[in-house]
Protein backbone atom coordinates (compact mmCIF):
# COMPACT_ATOMS: atom_id res chain seq x y z
CA MET A 1 81.85 -47.37 -36.89
CA GLY A 2 84.47 -49.87 -35.81
CA ASN A 3 88.18 -49.53 -38.00
CA SER A 4 87.48 -50.35 -41.93
CA VAL A 5 88.17 -48.99 -44.67
CA GLU A 6 84.63 -47.20 -44.65
CA LEU A 7 85.91 -45.57 -41.59
CA VAL A 8 89.02 -43.84 -43.65
CA LEU A 9 87.05 -42.54 -46.46
CA LEU A 10 84.16 -41.11 -44.00
CA TRP A 11 86.98 -39.27 -42.27
CA LEU A 12 88.62 -37.91 -45.87
CA ALA A 13 84.62 -37.05 -46.93
CA VAL A 14 83.91 -35.45 -44.02
CA ALA A 15 87.08 -33.27 -43.96
CA ARG A 16 86.78 -32.57 -47.70
CA LEU A 17 82.90 -30.78 -46.95
CA GLY A 18 84.56 -28.82 -43.87
CA ALA A 19 82.84 -30.53 -41.13
CA VAL A 20 83.84 -31.90 -37.74
CA HIS A 21 84.72 -35.85 -37.80
CA VAL A 22 83.33 -36.91 -33.96
CA PRO A 23 84.57 -40.84 -34.07
CA VAL A 24 82.77 -42.33 -31.07
CA ASN A 25 84.13 -45.11 -28.87
CA THR A 26 82.22 -48.21 -29.85
CA ALA A 27 82.30 -49.26 -26.41
CA LEU A 28 79.97 -46.30 -25.24
CA ILE A 29 76.04 -47.27 -25.07
CA GLY A 30 73.30 -45.27 -22.91
CA ASP A 31 74.15 -42.01 -20.85
CA GLY A 32 77.66 -41.98 -22.15
CA LEU A 33 76.69 -42.47 -26.01
CA ALA A 34 73.84 -39.81 -25.31
CA HIS A 35 76.27 -37.76 -24.11
CA ALA A 36 78.63 -37.77 -26.68
CA PHE A 37 75.74 -36.90 -29.20
CA ARG A 38 73.75 -34.40 -27.43
CA LEU A 39 77.20 -32.34 -26.71
CA THR A 40 78.63 -32.33 -30.53
CA ARG A 41 74.99 -32.01 -31.70
CA ALA A 42 75.77 -34.35 -34.81
CA ARG A 43 73.28 -34.07 -37.29
CA ILE A 44 74.32 -37.37 -38.88
CA ALA A 45 75.86 -40.60 -37.78
CA VAL A 46 77.57 -43.40 -40.18
CA VAL A 47 77.47 -46.62 -38.30
CA ASP A 48 78.34 -50.03 -38.56
CA ASP A 49 75.41 -52.32 -38.62
CA ASP A 50 76.65 -54.20 -35.44
CA LEU A 51 76.66 -51.33 -33.53
CA ALA A 52 73.92 -49.86 -34.62
CA ALA A 53 71.76 -51.16 -31.52
CA PRO A 54 73.29 -48.73 -29.08
CA LEU A 55 72.69 -45.98 -30.93
CA ASP A 56 68.95 -47.13 -31.89
CA ALA A 57 68.29 -47.35 -27.84
CA VAL A 58 69.20 -43.45 -27.04
CA ARG A 59 67.99 -41.87 -30.98
CA ASP A 60 64.68 -40.51 -28.79
CA ARG A 61 67.08 -38.54 -26.60
CA LEU A 62 69.32 -36.95 -29.57
CA PRO A 63 67.02 -34.15 -30.40
CA ASP A 64 70.06 -32.68 -33.38
CA LEU A 65 70.69 -36.45 -35.27
CA GLN A 66 68.71 -35.78 -38.64
CA ARG A 67 70.02 -39.50 -40.49
CA VAL A 68 71.81 -42.63 -39.24
CA VAL A 69 73.54 -44.36 -42.30
CA ARG A 70 74.33 -47.72 -42.20
CA VAL A 71 77.79 -49.60 -43.29
CA PRO A 72 77.37 -51.91 -45.25
CA SER A 73 74.34 -50.25 -46.79
CA SER A 74 73.48 -48.89 -50.39
CA GLU A 75 72.84 -46.10 -48.87
CA PHE A 76 76.38 -45.41 -48.01
CA ASP A 77 78.02 -46.95 -51.06
CA GLU A 78 75.91 -44.28 -53.19
CA LEU A 79 77.05 -41.94 -51.19
CA ALA A 80 80.86 -43.04 -51.50
CA SER A 81 80.50 -43.53 -55.06
CA SER A 82 81.82 -41.16 -57.73
CA THR A 83 79.72 -42.28 -60.67
CA PRO A 84 80.75 -40.13 -63.60
CA GLY A 85 77.61 -37.73 -63.58
CA SER A 86 76.97 -37.56 -59.90
CA PRO A 87 77.23 -34.13 -57.75
CA VAL A 88 80.49 -34.20 -56.03
CA PRO A 89 80.59 -31.38 -53.51
CA ALA A 90 83.57 -28.52 -54.30
CA VAL A 91 85.87 -28.21 -51.70
CA VAL A 92 84.90 -25.93 -49.24
CA GLU A 93 87.36 -23.20 -47.64
CA VAL A 94 87.76 -23.93 -43.94
CA ASP A 95 89.15 -21.50 -41.35
CA PRO A 96 92.74 -23.43 -40.67
CA LEU A 97 91.42 -22.64 -36.82
CA GLU A 98 88.27 -23.99 -36.70
CA PRO A 99 88.16 -27.92 -35.62
CA ALA A 100 88.36 -30.51 -37.65
CA ILE A 101 88.31 -33.71 -35.69
CA MET A 102 86.86 -34.38 -31.76
CA LEU A 103 88.11 -37.18 -30.11
CA PHE A 104 86.24 -38.23 -26.69
CA THR A 105 88.76 -38.71 -23.69
CA SER A 106 87.82 -40.44 -20.65
CA GLY A 107 85.90 -38.38 -18.05
CA PRO A 108 83.89 -39.39 -15.18
CA PRO A 109 81.73 -42.54 -15.58
CA GLY A 110 79.07 -42.01 -18.17
CA CYS A 111 80.85 -38.23 -19.39
CA PRO A 112 83.44 -38.18 -21.88
CA ARG A 113 84.88 -35.38 -22.05
CA PRO A 114 85.73 -33.86 -26.37
CA ALA A 115 89.33 -32.69 -27.02
CA CYS A 116 89.02 -31.20 -30.73
CA SER A 117 92.18 -30.62 -33.10
CA ALA A 118 92.33 -27.98 -35.78
CA THR A 119 94.95 -30.10 -37.58
CA PRO A 120 95.76 -27.28 -40.83
CA THR A 121 98.64 -29.04 -41.96
CA SER A 122 95.92 -32.54 -42.25
CA CYS A 123 96.44 -34.77 -45.32
CA ALA A 124 92.56 -34.44 -45.60
CA ARG A 125 92.01 -30.82 -45.65
CA ALA A 126 94.57 -30.96 -48.81
CA PRO A 127 93.18 -31.68 -52.33
CA CYS A 128 95.62 -34.17 -52.84
CA THR A 129 98.43 -35.45 -51.24
CA ARG A 130 101.85 -37.57 -51.66
CA ARG A 131 104.48 -38.65 -50.07
CA PRO A 132 107.21 -36.72 -49.92
CA SER A 133 110.28 -36.88 -51.88
CA ALA A 134 113.22 -38.39 -50.43
């Protein structure tokens, strides 16, 4: 996904679920993109419509990928909504040393390397946040 409000919503939702957010460089294609997905064993991908083609091109090489959600779509809107009566997952207790985000750095051509961050004080891990008073 490119930079967007939906990306922020996604990051906060992934953290609330206790999962690991793995933003992937939007310029990755082919072997590099497949490498990133295989290495993380991602089961769900959320992609912009304009960035879906590179993922579609390598989808058959990603055995762990179970679901692709496109943005914008009614599926993403439904997942992001907080409609009264819809089940909202409880905040999951996570080990503060477990990864919260995995970022890919440059590596050999076609093989970006992951860097994990536990971020135990991340605002996304807190049930709510507020700006510290001055």
